[in-house]
C-alpha atoms as a PDB file:
ATOM      1  CA  MET A   1      14.987  22.722  11.177  1.00  0.00           C
ATOM      2  CA  PRO A   2      16.264  19.387  12.580  1.00  0.00           C
ATOM      3  CA  ARG A   3      15.565  16.334  10.447  1.00  0.00           C
ATOM      4  CA  ALA A   4      13.152  14.781  12.992  1.00  0.00           C
ATOM      5  CA  ALA A   5      11.089  17.978  13.201  1.00  0.00           C
ATOM      6  CA  TRP A   6      10.988  18.241   9.396  1.00  0.00           C
ATOM      7  CA  ARG A   7       9.771  14.630   9.066  1.00  0.00           C
ATOM      8  CA  ARG A   8       6.977  15.312  11.580  1.00  0.00           C
ATOM      9  CA  THR A   9       5.529  17.680   8.965  1.00  0.00           C
ATOM     10  CA  GLY A  10       5.085  14.574   6.772  1.00  0.00           C
ATOM     11  CA  ALA A  11       7.843  15.524   4.352  1.00  0.00           C
ATOM     12  CA  ASP A  12      11.107  13.732   3.651  1.00  0.00           C
ATOM     13  CA  LEU A  13      14.454  15.055   2.489  1.00  0.00           C
ATOM     14  CA  PRO A  14      16.110  14.087  -0.822  1.00  0.00           C
ATOM     15  CA  TRP A  15      17.672  10.623  -0.590  1.00  0.00           C
ATOM     16  CA  GLY A  16      15.557  10.060   2.524  1.00  0.00           C
ATOM     17  CA  ASP A  17      13.994   6.843   3.789  1.00  0.00           C
ATOM     18  CA  PRO A  18      10.186   7.163   4.218  1.00  0.00           C
ATOM     19  CA  LEU A  19       9.798   3.775   5.955  1.00  0.00           C
ATOM     20  CA  PRO A  20      10.585   4.699   9.599  1.00  0.00           C
ATOM     21  CA  SER A  21       7.753   6.524  11.359  1.00  0.00           C
ATOM     22  CA  HIS A  22       7.214  10.231  10.712  1.00  0.00           C
ATOM     23  CA  ARG A  23       5.163  10.452  13.937  1.00  0.00           C
ATOM     24  CA  SER A  24       2.253  11.687  11.821  1.00  0.00           C
ATOM     25  CA  LEU A  25      -1.304  11.536  13.099  1.00  0.00           C
ATOM     26  CA  MET A  26      -1.648   8.376  11.032  1.00  0.00           C
ATOM     27  CA  GLU A  27       0.981   5.903   9.797  1.00  0.00           C
ATOM     28  CA  GLY A  28      -0.350   3.024   7.696  1.00  0.00           C
ATOM     29  CA  TYR A  29       1.304  -0.161   6.440  1.00  0.00           C
ATOM     30  CA  LEU A  30       0.017  -2.755   3.961  1.00  0.00           C
ATOM     31  CA  TRP A  31       1.340  -6.152   2.870  1.00  0.00           C
ATOM     32  CA  ARG A  32      -0.317  -8.048   0.007  1.00  0.00           C
ATOM     33  CA  PHE A  33       0.335 -11.682  -0.971  1.00  0.00           C
ATOM     34  CA  THR A  34      -0.906 -12.967  -4.336  1.00  0.00           C
ATOM     35  CA  ASP A  35      -0.906 -16.712  -5.023  1.00  0.00           C
ATOM     36  CA  PRO A  36      -1.458 -17.091  -8.794  1.00  0.00           C
ATOM     37  CA  VAL A  37      -1.372 -20.898  -8.679  1.00  0.00           C
ATOM     38  CA  ARG A  38      -4.163 -21.291  -6.118  1.00  0.00           C
ATOM     39  CA  HIS A  39      -5.927 -18.090  -7.206  1.00  0.00           C
ATOM     40  CA  ARG A  40      -6.031 -16.457  -3.781  1.00  0.00           C
ATOM     41  CA  VAL A  41      -5.046 -13.189  -2.114  1.00  0.00           C
ATOM     42  CA  LEU A  42      -4.115 -12.280   1.457  1.00  0.00           C
ATOM     43  CA  GLU A  43      -3.824  -8.724   2.787  1.00  0.00           C
ATOM     44  CA  VAL A  44      -2.512  -7.494   6.123  1.00  0.00           C
ATOM     45  CA  ALA A  45      -2.868  -3.850   7.156  1.00  0.00           C
ATOM     46  CA  CYS A  46      -1.700  -2.001  10.242  1.00  0.00           C
ATOM     47  CA  GLY A  47      -2.300   1.587  11.289  1.00  0.00           C
ATOM     48  CA  VAL A  48      -0.401   3.377  14.055  1.00  0.00           C
ATOM     49  CA  SER A  49      -2.195   6.579  15.048  1.00  0.00           C
ATOM     50  CA  HIS A  50      -0.951   9.402  17.271  1.00  0.00           C
ATOM     51  CA  GLN A  51      -3.413  11.718  18.969  1.00  0.00           C
ATOM     52  CA  HIS A  52      -2.804  13.974  21.989  1.00  0.00           C
ATOM     53  CA  GLY A  53       0.443  12.181  22.829  1.00  0.00           C
ATOM     54  CA  ARG A  54      -1.255   8.788  22.792  1.00  0.00           C
ATOM     55  CA  ALA A  55      -0.586   6.014  20.262  1.00  0.00           C
ATOM     56  CA  TRP A  56      -3.064   3.336  19.308  1.00  0.00           C
ATOM     57  CA  GLY A  57      -3.200   0.738  16.549  1.00  0.00           C
ATOM     58  CA  THR A  58      -5.511  -0.949  14.064  1.00  0.00           C
ATOM     59  CA  VAL A  59      -4.807  -4.373  12.539  1.00  0.00           C
ATOM     60  CA  VAL A  60      -6.800  -5.883   9.657  1.00  0.00           C
ATOM     61  CA  VAL A  61      -6.520  -9.234   7.862  1.00  0.00           C
ATOM     62  CA  ALA A  62      -8.515  -9.954   4.694  1.00  0.00           C
ATOM     63  CA  ALA A  63      -8.422 -12.976   2.390  1.00  0.00           C
ATOM     64  CA  SER A  64      -9.963 -14.086  -0.897  1.00  0.00           C
ATOM     65  CA  PRO A  65     -11.715 -16.303  -1.941  1.00  0.00           C
ATOM     66  CA  LEU A  66     -12.689 -16.810   1.725  1.00  0.00           C
ATOM     67  CA  SER A  67     -14.224 -13.302   2.014  1.00  0.00           C
ATOM     68  CA  LEU A  68     -12.569 -13.330   5.431  1.00  0.00           C
ATOM     69  CA  VAL A  69     -12.122 -10.031   7.282  1.00  0.00           C
ATOM     70  CA  ARG A  70     -10.715  -9.831  10.821  1.00  0.00           C
ATOM     71  CA  SER A  71      -9.795  -6.641  12.679  1.00  0.00           C
ATOM     72  CA  THR A  72      -8.972  -5.197  16.069  1.00  0.00           C
ATOM     73  CA  THR A  73      -7.852  -1.972  17.722  1.00  0.00           C
ATOM     74  CA  LEU A  74      -5.174  -1.832  20.409  1.00  0.00           C
ATOM     75  CA  ASP A  75      -3.602   0.601  22.845  1.00  0.00           C
ATOM     76  CA  ASP A  76       0.115   1.343  22.941  1.00  0.00           C
ATOM     77  CA  ALA A  77       0.967   0.613  19.297  1.00  0.00           C
ATOM     78  CA  TRP A  78       4.440   1.720  18.248  1.00  0.00           C
ATOM     79  CA  ALA A  79       6.425   2.379  15.078  1.00  0.00           C
ATOM     80  CA  GLY A  80      10.158   3.137  15.124  1.00  0.00           C
ATOM     81  CA  THR A  81      11.425   6.536  14.034  1.00  0.00           C
ATOM     82  CA  ASP A  82      15.047   5.452  13.535  1.00  0.00           C
ATOM     83  CA  ARG A  83      14.407   1.985  12.098  1.00  0.00           C
ATOM     84  CA  PHE A  84      11.653   0.174  10.208  1.00  0.00           C
ATOM     85  CA  ALA A  85       9.804  -1.691  12.954  1.00  0.00           C
ATOM     86  CA  ILE A  86       6.167  -1.872  14.120  1.00  0.00           C
ATOM     87  CA  GLU A  87       4.582  -3.333  17.237  1.00  0.00           C
ATOM     88  CA  ALA A  88       0.841  -3.648  17.862  1.00  0.00           C
ATOM     89  CA  ALA A  89       0.925  -6.369  20.511  1.00  0.00           C
ATOM     90  CA  PRO A  90      -0.391  -8.967  20.652  1.00  0.00           C
ATOM     91  CA  ALA A  91      -1.902  -8.770  17.142  1.00  0.00           C
ATOM     92  CA  LEU A  92       1.057  -7.757  14.954  1.00  0.00           C
ATOM     93  CA  SER A  93       4.804  -7.278  14.959  1.00  0.00           C
ATOM     94  CA  PHE A  94       7.144  -6.362  12.130  1.00  0.00           C
ATOM     95  CA  VAL A  95      10.874  -5.746  11.954  1.00  0.00           C
ATOM     96  CA  ARG A  96      13.443  -5.285   9.191  1.00  0.00           C
ATOM     97  CA  ASP A  97      16.773  -7.006   9.866  1.00  0.00           C
ATOM     98  CA  ARG A  98      20.098  -6.723   8.105  1.00  0.00           C
ATOM     99  CA  THR A  99      21.239 -10.016   6.575  1.00  0.00           C
ATOM    100  CA  GLY A 100      24.595  -8.868   5.255  1.00  0.00           C
ATOM    101  CA  ALA A 101      26.363  -5.920   3.711  1.00  0.00           C
ATOM    102  CA  SER A 102      23.354  -4.920   1.597  1.00  0.00           C
ATOM    103  CA  GLY A 103      20.644  -7.520   2.199  1.00  0.00           C
ATOM    104  CA  VAL A 104      17.562  -7.223   4.422  1.00  0.00           C
ATOM    105  CA  ARG A 105      14.909  -9.556   5.792  1.00  0.00           C
ATOM    106  CA  ASP A 106      11.430  -8.432   6.809  1.00  0.00           C
ATOM    107  CA  ARG A 107       9.737 -10.492   9.509  1.00  0.00           C
ATOM    108  CA  LEU A 108       5.959 -10.156   9.850  1.00  0.00           C
ATOM    109  CA  ARG A 109       3.868 -11.913  12.487  1.00  0.00           C
ATOM    110  CA  VAL A 110       0.083 -11.654  12.945  1.00  0.00           C
ATOM    111  CA  SER A 111      -2.214 -13.272  15.518  1.00  0.00           C
ATOM    112  CA  LEU A 112      -5.802 -12.096  15.232  1.00  0.00           C
ATOM    113  CA  ASP A 113      -8.651 -14.395  16.278  1.00  0.00           C
ATOM    114  CA  ASP A 114      -8.626 -17.312  13.806  1.00  0.00           C
ATOM    115  CA  ALA A 115      -6.211 -15.526  11.438  1.00  0.00           C
ATOM    116  CA  GLU A 116      -2.510 -16.132  12.076  1.00  0.00           C
ATOM    117  CA  LEU A 117       0.518 -15.465   9.918  1.00  0.00           C
ATOM    118  CA  GLU A 118       4.264 -15.754  10.259  1.00  0.00           C
ATOM    119  CA  VAL A 119       6.405 -14.934   7.243  1.00  0.00           C
ATOM    120  CA  ALA A 120       9.914 -13.813   6.349  1.00  0.00           C
ATOM    121  CA  LEU A 121      10.327 -11.629   3.267  1.00  0.00           C
ATOM    122  CA  PHE A 122      13.596 -11.285   1.386  1.00  0.00           C
ATOM    123  CA  PRO A 123      13.261  -8.240  -0.902  1.00  0.00           C
ATOM    124  CA  GLY A 124      14.937  -8.142  -4.277  1.00  0.00           C
ATOM    125  CA  THR A 125      17.509  -5.563  -5.291  1.00  0.00           C
ATOM    126  CA  ARG A 126      16.802  -2.203  -3.713  1.00  0.00           C
ATOM    127  CA  ARG A 127      17.598   1.113  -5.304  1.00  0.00           C
ATOM    128  CA  ARG A 128      18.259   4.401  -3.603  1.00  0.00           C
ATOM    129  CA  THR A 129      16.252   7.267  -5.068  1.00  0.00           C
ATOM    130  CA  LEU A 130      16.581  11.025  -4.959  1.00  0.00           C
ATOM    131  CA  LEU A 131      12.849  11.525  -4.427  1.00  0.00           C
ATOM    132  CA  PRO A 132      11.355   9.085  -1.937  1.00  0.00           C
ATOM    133  CA  GLY A 133       7.732   8.030  -1.951  1.00  0.00           C
ATOM    134  CA  ALA A 134       5.430   9.533  -4.542  1.00  0.00           C
ATOM    135  CA  GLY A 135       7.984  11.773  -6.195  1.00  0.00           C
ATOM    136  CA  VAL A 136       8.076  15.496  -5.495  1.00  0.00           C
ATOM    137  CA  PHE A 137       5.009  15.314  -3.224  1.00  0.00           C
ATOM    138  CA  SER A 138       7.086  13.489  -0.605  1.00  0.00           C
ATOM    139  CA  LEU A 139       9.209  16.626  -0.205  1.00  0.00           C
ATOM    140  CA  LEU A 140       6.248  18.952   0.518  1.00  0.00           C
ATOM    141  CA  PRO A 141       5.344  19.526   4.187  1.00  0.00           C
ATOM    142  CA  GLY A 142       1.831  19.569   5.588  1.00  0.00           C
ATOM    143  CA  LEU A 143      -0.050  17.458   3.045  1.00  0.00           C
ATOM    144  CA  ASN A 144      -2.967  15.431   4.347  1.00  0.00           C
ATOM    145  CA  HIS A 145      -1.687  12.152   2.892  1.00  0.00           C
ATOM    146  CA  TYR A 146       1.536  10.626   1.559  1.00  0.00           C
ATOM    147  CA  TRP A 147       1.899   7.326  -0.312  1.00  0.00           C
ATOM    148  CA  HIS A 148       5.003   5.182  -0.748  1.00  0.00           C
ATOM    149  CA  PRO A 149       4.756   1.826  -2.607  1.00  0.00           C
ATOM    150  CA  TYR A 150       8.136   0.408  -1.674  1.00  0.00           C
ATOM    151  CA  LEU A 151       8.111  -3.351  -2.310  1.00  0.00           C
ATOM    152  CA  PHE A 152       7.093  -5.066  -5.554  1.00  0.00           C
ATOM    153  CA  GLU A 153       9.219  -8.179  -5.362  1.00  0.00           C
ATOM    154  CA  ALA A 154      10.319 -10.410  -2.489  1.00  0.00           C
ATOM    155  CA  ARG A 155      10.867 -14.073  -1.758  1.00  0.00           C
ATOM    156  CA  ALA A 156       8.428 -15.242   0.921  1.00  0.00           C
ATOM    157  CA  GLU A 157       8.974 -18.021   3.446  1.00  0.00           C
ATOM    158  CA  GLY A 158       6.136 -18.767   5.839  1.00  0.00           C
ATOM    159  CA  ALA A 159       2.508 -19.725   6.222  1.00  0.00           C
ATOM    160  CA  ALA A 160      -0.879 -18.452   7.350  1.00  0.00           C
ATOM    161  CA  ARG A 161      -3.810 -20.062   9.125  1.00  0.00           C
ATOM    162  CA  LEU A 162      -7.108 -18.518   8.044  1.00  0.00           C
ATOM    163  CA  GLY A 163     -10.088 -20.081   9.737  1.00  0.00           C
ATOM    164  CA  ASP A 164      -9.889 -23.792   8.964  1.00  0.00           C
ATOM    165  CA  GLU A 165      -7.461 -23.325   6.066  1.00  0.00           C
ATOM    166  CA  HIS A 166      -3.668 -23.420   6.075  1.00  0.00           C
ATOM    167  CA  TRP A 167      -1.955 -21.371   3.357  1.00  0.00           C
ATOM    168  CA  ASP A 168       1.667 -21.842   2.334  1.00  0.00           C
ATOM    169  CA  LEU A 169       2.961 -18.404   1.356  1.00  0.00           C
ATOM    170  CA  ALA A 170       6.124 -19.621  -0.380  1.00  0.00           C
ATOM    171  CA  GLY A 171       5.958 -18.681  -4.043  1.00  0.00           C
ATOM    172  CA  CYS A 172       3.501 -15.825  -3.499  1.00  0.00           C
ATOM    173  CA  GLN A 173       3.985 -12.540  -5.307  1.00  0.00           C
ATOM    174  CA  VAL A 174       4.521  -9.857  -2.654  1.00  0.00           C
ATOM    175  CA  TYR A 175       3.657  -6.175  -2.555  1.00  0.00           C
ATOM    176  CA  ALA A 176       4.011  -3.675   0.326  1.00  0.00           C
ATOM    177  CA  GLU A 177       3.420   0.035   0.849  1.00  0.00           C
ATOM    178  CA  LYS A 178       3.393   2.719   3.511  1.00  0.00           C
ATOM    179  CA  SER A 179       1.125   5.767   3.825  1.00  0.00           C
ATOM    180  CA  TRP A 180       1.073   8.565   6.383  1.00  0.00           C
ATOM    181  CA  GLY A 181      -0.212  12.049   7.081  1.00  0.00           C
ATOM    182  CA  ARG A 182      -3.038  13.823   8.865  1.00  0.00           C
ATOM    183  CA  GLY A 183      -5.445  11.005   8.087  1.00  0.00           C
ATOM    184  CA  PHE A 184      -7.095   9.623   4.979  1.00  0.00           C
ATOM    185  CA  PRO A 185      -7.944  11.918   2.059  1.00  0.00           C
ATOM    186  CA  PRO A 186     -11.537  13.164   1.936  1.00  0.00           C
ATOM    187  CA  ALA A 187     -12.007  10.689  -0.922  1.00  0.00           C
ATOM    188  CA  TRP A 188      -9.607   8.260  -2.562  1.00  0.00           C
ATOM    189  CA  TRP A 189      -9.277   5.253  -4.837  1.00  0.00           C
ATOM    190  CA  TRP A 190      -6.492   2.670  -5.056  1.00  0.00           C
ATOM    191  CA  GLY A 191      -5.486  -0.500  -6.865  1.00  0.00           C
ATOM    192  CA  GLN A 192      -2.682  -3.039  -6.999  1.00  0.00           C
ATOM    193  CA  ALA A 193      -2.262  -5.903  -9.431  1.00  0.00           C
ATOM    194  CA  GLN A 194       0.113  -8.801  -9.978  1.00  0.00           C
ATOM    195  CA  ASP A 195      -0.633 -12.217 -11.541  1.00  0.00           C
ATOM    196  CA  PHE A 196      -0.193 -11.038 -15.135  1.00  0.00           C
ATOM    197  CA  ASP A 197       0.963 -13.424 -17.864  1.00  0.00           C
ATOM    198  CA  ARG A 198       4.531 -12.301 -17.089  1.00  0.00           C
ATOM    199  CA  PRO A 199       5.895 -12.521 -13.534  1.00  0.00           C
ATOM    200  CA  ASP A 200       7.911  -9.324 -13.994  1.00  0.00           C
ATOM    201  CA  VAL A 201       4.774  -7.159 -14.420  1.00  0.00           C
ATOM    202  CA  ARG A 202       3.346  -5.419 -11.337  1.00  0.00           C
ATOM    203  CA  VAL A 203       1.415  -2.184 -10.967  1.00  0.00           C
ATOM    204  CA  ALA A 204       0.086   0.025  -8.168  1.00  0.00           C
ATOM    205  CA  PHE A 205      -2.033   3.132  -8.672  1.00  0.00           C
ATOM    206  CA  ALA A 206      -3.881   5.597  -6.492  1.00  0.00           C
ATOM    207  CA  GLY A 207      -5.758   8.854  -6.535  1.00  0.00           C
ATOM    208  CA  GLY A 208      -7.353  11.184  -4.062  1.00  0.00           C
ATOM    209  CA  LEU A 209      -7.845  14.713  -2.829  1.00  0.00           C
ATOM    210  CA  LEU A 210      -4.426  15.933  -1.753  1.00  0.00           C
ATOM    211  CA  GLY A 211      -3.442  19.150  -0.044  1.00  0.00           C
ATOM    212  CA  ARG A 212      -4.774  21.304   2.760  1.00  0.00           C
ATOM    213  CA  GLY A 213      -7.899  23.429   3.054  1.00  0.00           C
ATOM    214  CA  ARG A 214      -8.753  25.312  -0.132  1.00  0.00           C
ATOM    215  CA  ALA A 215      -5.490  24.100  -1.674  1.00  0.00           C
ATOM    216  CA  THR A 216      -6.848  20.531  -1.822  1.00  0.00           C
ATOM    217  CA  VAL A 217      -6.821  19.183  -5.387  1.00  0.00           C
ATOM    218  CA  PRO A 218      -7.270  15.749  -7.007  1.00  0.00           C
ATOM    219  CA  VAL A 219      -3.938  13.985  -7.586  1.00  0.00           C
ATOM    220  CA  ASN A 220      -3.289  10.593  -9.200  1.00  0.00           C
ATOM    221  CA  GLY A 221      -0.144   8.482  -9.480  1.00  0.00           C
ATOM    222  CA  LEU A 222       1.076   5.137 -10.753  1.00  0.00           C
ATOM    223  CA  VAL A 223       4.073   2.855 -10.276  1.00  0.00           C
ATOM    224  CA  LEU A 224       4.753   0.180 -12.902  1.00  0.00           C
ATOM    225  CA  CYS A 225       7.312  -2.622 -12.744  1.00  0.00           C
ATOM    226  CA  LEU A 226       7.981  -4.121 -16.167  1.00  0.00           C
ATOM    227  CA  GLY A 227      10.925  -6.168 -17.376  1.00  0.00           C
ATOM    228  CA  GLY A 228      12.990  -5.483 -14.271  1.00  0.00           C
ATOM    229  CA  ARG A 229      12.510  -1.723 -14.533  1.00  0.00           C
ATOM    230  CA  ARG A 230      10.436   0.477 -12.237  1.00  0.00           C
ATOM    231  CA  LEU A 231       8.558   3.420 -13.742  1.00  0.00           C
ATOM    232  CA  ASP A 232       7.130   6.097 -11.404  1.00  0.00           C
ATOM    233  CA  LEU A 233       4.521   8.331 -13.033  1.00  0.00           C
ATOM    234  CA  PHE A 234       3.451  11.235 -10.821  1.00  0.00           C
ATOM    235  CA  PRO A 235       2.776  14.919 -11.508  1.00  0.00           C
ATOM    236  CA  PRO A 236       4.412  17.197 -12.500  1.00  0.00           C
ATOM    237  CA  ALA A 237       6.714  14.858 -14.458  1.00  0.00           C
ATOM    238  CA  ALA A 238       3.697  12.977 -15.824  1.00  0.00           C
ATOM    239  CA  ILE A 239       0.080  13.759 -16.636  1.00  0.00           C
ATOM    240  CA  VAL A 240      -2.055  11.305 -14.673  1.00  0.00           C
ATOM    241  CA  ARG A 241      -5.839  11.277 -14.859  1.00  0.00           C
ATOM    242  CA  GLY A 242      -8.225   8.746 -13.409  1.00  0.00           C
ATOM    243  CA  GLY A 243     -11.024   7.888 -11.062  1.00  0.00           C
ATOM    244  CA  VAL A 244     -13.616   5.320 -10.080  1.00  0.00           C
ATOM    245  CA  ARG A 245     -17.257   5.239 -11.074  1.00  0.00           C
ATOM    246  CA  ALA A 246     -19.898   2.525 -10.923  1.00  0.00           C
ATOM    247  CA  ASP A 247     -17.418  -0.141  -9.852  1.00  0.00           C
ATOM    248  CA  HIS A 248     -14.979   0.712 -12.651  1.00  0.00           C
ATOM    249  CA  TRP A 249     -11.462   2.034 -11.999  1.00  0.00           C
ATOM    250  CA  ARG A 250      -9.706   3.891 -14.836  1.00  0.00           C
ATOM    251  CA  LEU A 251      -6.363   5.669 -15.082  1.00  0.00           C
ATOM    252  CA  THR A 252      -4.168   7.050 -17.851  1.00  0.00           C
ATOM    253  CA  ALA A 253      -0.603   8.131 -17.054  1.00  0.00           C
ATOM    254  CA  THR A 254       1.488   9.869 -19.708  1.00  0.00           C
ATOM    255  CA  GLY A 255       5.191  10.458 -19.113  1.00  0.00           C
ATOM    256  CA  PRO A 256       8.028  11.669 -21.356  1.00  0.00           C
ATOM    257  CA  ARG A 257       8.228   8.333 -23.197  1.00  0.00           C
ATOM    258  CA  HIS A 258       5.631   6.000 -21.691  1.00  0.00           C
ATOM    259  CA  ARG A 259       1.863   5.928 -21.673  1.00  0.00           C
ATOM    260  CA  VAL A 260       0.086   3.556 -19.296  1.00  0.00           C
ATOM    261  CA  ARG A 261      -3.606   2.767 -19.299  1.00  0.00           C
ATOM    262  CA  VAL A 262      -5.277   0.866 -16.466  1.00  0.00           C
ATOM    263  CA  SER A 263      -8.892  -0.239 -16.378  1.00  0.00           C
ATOM    264  CA  GLY A 264     -10.293  -2.316 -13.535  1.00  0.00           C
ATOM    265  CA  GLN A 265     -13.605  -3.711 -12.400  1.00  0.00           C
ATOM    266  CA  GLY A 266     -14.883  -5.794  -9.513  1.00  0.00           C
ATOM    267  CA  ALA A 267     -16.250  -8.465 -11.847  1.00  0.00           C
ATOM    268  CA  ASP A 268     -17.344 -11.470  -9.773  1.00  0.00           C
ATOM    269  CA  SER A 269     -15.174 -10.606  -6.763  1.00  0.00           C
ATOM    270  CA  PRO A 270     -17.142  -9.841  -3.567  1.00  0.00           C
ATOM    271  CA  LEU A 271     -17.015  -6.249  -2.335  1.00  0.00           C
ATOM    272  CA  LEU A 272     -15.662  -6.272   1.231  1.00  0.00           C
ATOM    273  CA  ARG A 273     -15.879  -3.557   3.883  1.00  0.00           C
ATOM    274  CA  LEU A 274     -12.427  -3.139   5.412  1.00  0.00           C
ATOM    275  CA  PRO A 275     -11.967  -1.180   8.651  1.00  0.00           C
ATOM    276  CA  ILE A 276      -9.825   1.979   8.552  1.00  0.00           C
ATOM    277  CA  PRO A 277      -8.894   4.108  11.585  1.00  0.00           C
ATOM    278  CA  ALA A 278     -10.486   7.452  12.357  1.00  0.00           C
ATOM    279  CA  LEU A 279      -8.412  10.047  14.215  1.00  0.00           C
ATOM    280  CA  THR A 280     -10.286   9.405  17.468  1.00  0.00           C
ATOM    281  CA  PRO A 281      -8.788   6.384  19.284  1.00  0.00           C
ATOM    282  CA  HIS A 282     -10.585   3.087  18.670  1.00  0.00           C
ATOM    283  CA  HIS A 283     -13.095   4.577  16.241  1.00  0.00           C
ATOM    284  CA  LEU A 284     -13.195   3.112  12.739  1.00  0.00           C
ATOM    285  CA  GLY A 285     -14.540   3.884   9.336  1.00  0.00           C
ATOM    286  CA  TYR A 286     -14.648   1.554   6.331  1.00  0.00           C
ATOM    287  CA  SER A 287     -13.392   1.373   2.776  1.00  0.00           C
ATOM    288  CA  GLU A 288     -14.818  -0.856   0.055  1.00  0.00           C
ATOM    289  CA  GLN A 289     -12.454  -3.247  -1.673  1.00  0.00           C
ATOM    290  CA  HIS A 290     -12.431  -6.116  -4.130  1.00  0.00           C
ATOM    291  CA  LEU A 291      -9.557  -8.455  -3.273  1.00  0.00           C
ATOM    292  CA  ALA A 292      -9.710 -10.297  -6.602  1.00  0.00           C
ATOM    293  CA  GLY A 293     -10.931  -7.881  -9.231  1.00  0.00           C
ATOM    294  CA  THR A 294      -9.872  -7.643 -12.874  1.00  0.00           C
ATOM    295  CA  VAL A 295      -7.314  -5.142 -14.201  1.00  0.00           C
ATOM    296  CA  ARG A 296      -6.381  -4.588 -17.837  1.00  0.00           C
ATOM    297  CA  LEU A 297      -2.968  -2.975 -18.335  1.00  0.00           C
ATOM    298  CA  GLU A 298      -1.707  -1.402 -21.588  1.00  0.00           C
ATOM    299  CA  VAL A 299       1.744   0.172 -21.942  1.00  0.00           C
ATOM    300  CA  THR A 300       3.290   2.009 -24.885  1.00  0.00           C
ATOM    301  CA  ARG A 301       6.756   3.531 -25.273  1.00  0.00           C
ATOM    302  CA  ASP A 302       7.403   6.246 -27.835  1.00  0.00           C
ATOM    303  CA  GLY A 303       3.952   5.491 -29.243  1.00  0.00           C
ATOM    304  CA  LYS A 304       4.666   1.787 -29.855  1.00  0.00           C
ATOM    305  CA  PRO A 305       2.977  -1.071 -27.965  1.00  0.00           C
ATOM    306  CA  LEU A 306       5.225  -2.410 -25.211  1.00  0.00           C
ATOM    307  CA  TYR A 307       2.925  -4.627 -23.133  1.00  0.00           C
ATOM    308  CA  ALA A 308      -0.737  -5.544 -22.761  1.00  0.00           C
ATOM    309  CA  GLY A 309      -2.119  -8.011 -20.244  1.00  0.00           C
ATOM    310  CA  THR A 310      -4.810  -8.788 -17.692  1.00  0.00           C
ATOM    311  CA  SER A 311      -4.747  -9.706 -14.013  1.00  0.00           C
ATOM    312  CA  ARG A 312      -7.737 -11.326 -12.316  1.00  0.00           C
ATOM    313  CA  LEU A 313      -6.305 -11.095  -8.796  1.00  0.00           C
ATOM    314  CA  ALA A 314      -6.241  -7.308  -8.421  1.00  0.00           C
ATOM    315  CA  SER A 315      -7.191  -5.375  -5.316  1.00  0.00           C
ATOM    316  CA  LEU A 316      -9.450  -2.410  -6.133  1.00  0.00           C
ATOM    317  CA  GLU A 317     -10.486   0.014  -3.396  1.00  0.00           C
ATOM    318  CA  ARG A 318     -12.423   3.209  -2.885  1.00  0.00           C
ATOM    319  CA  GLY A 319     -13.100   5.120   0.287  1.00  0.00           C
ATOM    320  CA  ARG A 320     -13.751   8.333   2.177  1.00  0.00           C
ATOM    321  CA  ALA A 321     -12.073   9.631   5.288  1.00  0.00           C
ATOM    322  CA  PRO A 322     -13.920   8.385   8.388  1.00  0.00           C
ATOM    323  CA  ARG A 323     -15.526  10.963  10.613  1.00  0.00           C
ATOM    324  CA  SER A 324     -14.481  11.101  14.233  1.00  0.00           C
ATOM    325  CA  PRO A 325     -17.310  11.331  16.763  1.00  0.00           C
END
């Protein structure tokens, strides 16, 4: 099977690059900016959906502590299949440029009502991996959802205008991910946290119903960055259990040497309804998310404490797949 046809199943090949479009029914992109000094968070999300040969897009901007949410849907959205680039004019554009032999620069621009952003991101050292995305699941065709947290560290240069406020994004901690597949899982939960007492600590975690038909099962995964090292904990290499109940997110991931415990709660952070695309063009559902919740992180290695800390600028989300009319 040609590579392009294989990627349209949702799967990647070993040593593959999940960032260019798979031409799945849904391709989703998220950028998150955490400002620990000013205690604020900015999220930008873009979905490029393909249905019956037609592409359309969804763009969302959310910010805390403003409780600001802006969104729109657009015709003729586009995501590159041979390069990492997205266009949802006139609301959003993104492109990854080469800056040298091994360096890259990501340029993100957003113009959505009274929310505007223009930023350049210079990612840190990138590593090539045998298994892209969420481990072995990225190699399996036909799953309903794939998740790839790809950026945990980048230098940001740029600014955002959010209502009457102007935010300088220089110095923000940056996170970015891509997801794709046949739509959102029937139910899912997700979290991402920076702003710990050490700048080299970042974590992203997610869970949901993964598979197809009767083969759908709950699957959880976690990616931890600690001390300059990235640790991916996904089944079958790790035992990962978790879920969300009564505004509390909990996860335990046990690998060959490491054990990671995450507990999160919304605390005093407002619960926002963020639009998510249904499969029918221009129809939306909603997830529920705290942009500045609290996450407690505990890490052991070989049974000995390695790190423990708390972030109070964590995004915590739960949702269900939207129904198309």
